[in-house]
Every structure is written in structure tokens, then in C-alpha cells.
C-alpha atoms as a PDB file:
ATOM      1  CA  MET A   1     172.981 218.043 182.362  1.00  0.00           C
ATOM      2  CA  ARG A   2     170.088 216.076 181.394  1.00  0.00           C
ATOM      3  CA  ALA A   3     168.835 215.156 177.490  1.00  0.00           C
ATOM      4  CA  SER A   4     165.489 215.485 176.382  1.00  0.00           C
ATOM      5  CA  ASN A   5     164.209 215.073 173.279  1.00  0.00           C
ATOM      6  CA  LEU A   6     165.906 213.198 171.156  1.00  0.00           C
ATOM      7  CA  LYS A   7     165.004 213.456 167.623  1.00  0.00           C
ATOM      8  CA  ILE A   8     166.794 210.504 165.404  1.00  0.00           C
ATOM      9  CA  ILE A   9     167.947 212.044 162.561  1.00  0.00           C
ATOM     10  CA  GLY A  10     170.649 209.501 161.288  1.00  0.00           C
ATOM     11  CA  LYS A  11     172.485 211.156 158.053  1.00  0.00           C
ATOM     12  CA  ASN A  12     176.063 210.596 157.567  1.00  0.00           C
ATOM     13  CA  ALA A  13     177.490 211.720 161.135  1.00  0.00           C
ATOM     14  CA  LEU A  14     174.677 213.257 162.416  1.00  0.00           C
ATOM     15  CA  LYS A  15     172.813 210.952 164.768  1.00  0.00           C
ATOM     16  CA  ALA A  16     170.704 213.099 166.417  1.00  0.00           C
ATOM     17  CA  THR A  17     169.282 216.706 167.747  1.00  0.00           C
ATOM     18  CA  VAL A  18     168.442 217.183 171.907  1.00  0.00           C
ATOM     19  CA  GLU A  19     167.537 219.331 174.188  1.00  0.00           C
ATOM     20  CA  LEU A  20     170.428 219.698 177.258  1.00  0.00           C
ATOM     21  CA  THR A  21     168.847 220.750 180.416  1.00  0.00           C
ATOM     22  CA  ILE A  22     171.138 222.291 183.191  1.00  0.00           C
ATOM     23  CA  PRO A  23     168.704 222.114 186.048  1.00  0.00           C
ATOM     24  CA  LYS A  24     170.593 223.941 188.423  1.00  0.00           C
ATOM     25  CA  TRP A  25     170.559 227.048 186.206  1.00  0.00           C
ATOM     26  CA  HIS A  26     166.979 226.661 185.033  1.00  0.00           C
ATOM     27  CA  LEU A  27     169.028 226.256 181.284  1.00  0.00           C
ATOM     28  CA  VAL A  28     167.701 224.541 178.202  1.00  0.00           C
ATOM     29  CA  THR A  29     169.526 224.176 175.197  1.00  0.00           C
ATOM     30  CA  ARG A  30     167.821 223.386 172.178  1.00  0.00           C
ATOM     31  CA  GLY A  31     168.600 222.249 168.737  1.00  0.00           C
ATOM     32  CA  ALA A  32     172.225 220.926 169.946  1.00  0.00           C
ATOM     33  CA  LEU A  33     173.349 218.255 167.357  1.00  0.00           C
ATOM     34  CA  TRP A  34     175.320 214.703 168.389  1.00  0.00           C
ATOM     35  CA  TYR A  35     177.284 213.214 166.163  1.00  0.00           C
ATOM     36  CA  GLN A  36     179.066 210.137 165.745  1.00  0.00           C
ATOM     37  CA  LYS A  37     181.551 209.170 163.038  1.00  0.00           C
ATOM     38  CA  GLY A  38     183.728 205.668 163.971  1.00  0.00           C
ATOM     39  CA  ASP A  39     184.403 205.401 167.479  1.00  0.00           C
ATOM     40  CA  ARG A  40     183.951 209.283 168.197  1.00  0.00           C
ATOM     41  CA  GLU A  41     180.975 211.274 169.271  1.00  0.00           C
ATOM     42  CA  TRP A  42     180.766 215.302 169.640  1.00  0.00           C
ATOM     43  CA  VAL A  43     177.865 217.530 170.759  1.00  0.00           C
ATOM     44  CA  ALA A  44     177.611 220.726 168.516  1.00  0.00           C
ATOM     45  CA  PHE A  45     175.804 223.386 170.327  1.00  0.00           C
ATOM     46  CA  PRO A  46     173.396 225.781 168.192  1.00  0.00           C
ATOM     47  CA  ALA A  47     175.113 228.090 165.900  1.00  0.00           C
ATOM     48  CA  ALA A  48     174.248 231.392 164.473  1.00  0.00           C
ATOM     49  CA  GLU A  49     174.164 231.794 160.809  1.00  0.00           C
ATOM     50  CA  TRP A  50     174.665 234.464 158.397  1.00  0.00           C
ATOM     51  CA  SER A  51     175.543 235.271 155.197  1.00  0.00           C
ATOM     52  CA  ASP A  52     178.599 237.469 154.209  1.00  0.00           C
ATOM     53  CA  ARG A  53     179.641 239.495 150.969  1.00  0.00           C
ATOM     54  CA  ASN A  54     179.520 237.161 148.400  1.00  0.00           C
ATOM     55  CA  GLY A  55     176.390 235.075 149.752  1.00  0.00           C
ATOM     56  CA  THR A  56     178.550 232.758 151.076  1.00  0.00           C
ATOM     57  CA  ARG A  57     176.637 231.036 154.256  1.00  0.00           C
ATOM     58  CA  LYS A  58     178.323 231.187 157.597  1.00  0.00           C
ATOM     59  CA  PHE A  59     178.632 229.667 161.015  1.00  0.00           C
ATOM     60  CA  GLY A  60     179.688 231.183 164.741  1.00  0.00           C
ATOM     61  CA  ASN A  61     179.001 229.499 167.994  1.00  0.00           C
ATOM     62  CA  ILE A  62     176.675 231.059 170.206  1.00  0.00           C
ATOM     63  CA  ILE A  63     177.688 228.428 173.226  1.00  0.00           C
ATOM     64  CA  GLU A  64     181.216 226.825 173.747  1.00  0.00           C
ATOM     65  CA  PHE A  65     183.229 225.755 176.755  1.00  0.00           C
ATOM     66  CA  THR A  66     186.046 227.845 177.355  1.00  0.00           C
ATOM     67  CA  GLU A  67     189.424 226.637 177.155  1.00  0.00           C
ATOM     68  CA  GLN A  68     189.885 227.005 180.978  1.00  0.00           C
ATOM     69  CA  ALA A  69     186.809 224.604 181.192  1.00  0.00           C
ATOM     70  CA  SER A  70     187.758 222.172 178.670  1.00  0.00           C
ATOM     71  CA  ARG A  71     191.755 221.654 179.868  1.00  0.00           C
ATOM     72  CA  GLY A  72     192.537 218.202 181.602  1.00  0.00           C
ATOM     73  CA  ARG A  73     188.384 217.023 181.756  1.00  0.00           C
ATOM     74  CA  ARG A  74     187.264 214.119 179.902  1.00  0.00           C
ATOM     75  CA  PRO A  75     185.060 215.068 176.765  1.00  0.00           C
ATOM     76  CA  PHE A  76     181.833 215.279 176.701  1.00  0.00           C
ATOM     77  CA  VAL A  77     180.597 212.120 175.777  1.00  0.00           C
ATOM     78  CA  PRO A  78     176.697 212.097 174.369  1.00  0.00           C
ATOM     79  CA  SER A  79     175.954 208.560 175.009  1.00  0.00           C
ATOM     80  CA  LEU A  80     176.569 208.854 178.714  1.00  0.00           C
ATOM     81  CA  LEU A  81     173.704 211.148 178.999  1.00  0.00           C
ATOM     82  CA  TRP A  82     171.157 209.111 177.630  1.00  0.00           C
ATOM     83  CA  PRO A  83     172.086 205.290 177.111  1.00  0.00           C
ATOM     84  CA  GLU A  84     168.858 203.975 176.654  1.00  0.00           C
ATOM     85  CA  PHE A  85     168.552 205.881 173.366  1.00  0.00           C
ATOM     86  CA  LEU A  86     172.078 204.636 172.488  1.00  0.00           C
ATOM     87  CA  THR A  87     170.621 200.762 172.860  1.00  0.00           C
ATOM     88  CA  GLN A  88     168.139 201.943 170.286  1.00  0.00           C
ATOM     89  CA  TRP A  89     169.757 203.538 168.077  1.00  0.00           C
ATOM     90  CA  GLU A  90     172.462 200.479 167.659  1.00  0.00           C
ATOM     91  CA  GLY A  91     169.888 197.945 168.200  1.00  0.00           C
END
């Protein structure tokens, strides 16, 4: 997996948006969100937005890891994909 087009946001826990590419599959995911709060960091994949009957905004996952895929594996750590940006962010 490769990260590109990092756009720093720096608002609360949201650090940046990024495109994630899996070259082997010729797949690009645009609009992933990179979060960090304390010593935890994670990526949120793009979500679908809709309004319920009361007009409340709702969101649903479009892409997610299956339970089987994530069982027994190390959590996805965004800074491993683009350490040079992490240095710029912290510096």
C-alpha cells in the first residue's frame, strides 16, 4: 500500500487527508482521513452520508477490513506509510 497526495488539516484529532493506493490491484482510495489522538493513530476510509427521516446526518462505511483480515494482526499505522510527512508534521 502506498500513500500519496497528503493534505495536512491539523484540526483536533484529524491530521490529514490522503490517497491510499494498492498497486497490485490498481486500486486507489481517495479521501481517507488520518487521525491521531494521544499515542493512538488510525485511518478512516471514505464513508457514505445520508439523512434519516428526521433529517439527522448519518454515515456508513464503504470500505472496511473484515474481522478475519484484522484478527491477530498489527493495527494499521499510517505513519509507517509516509514517515517523511510525519517528520514534517511534528517538526
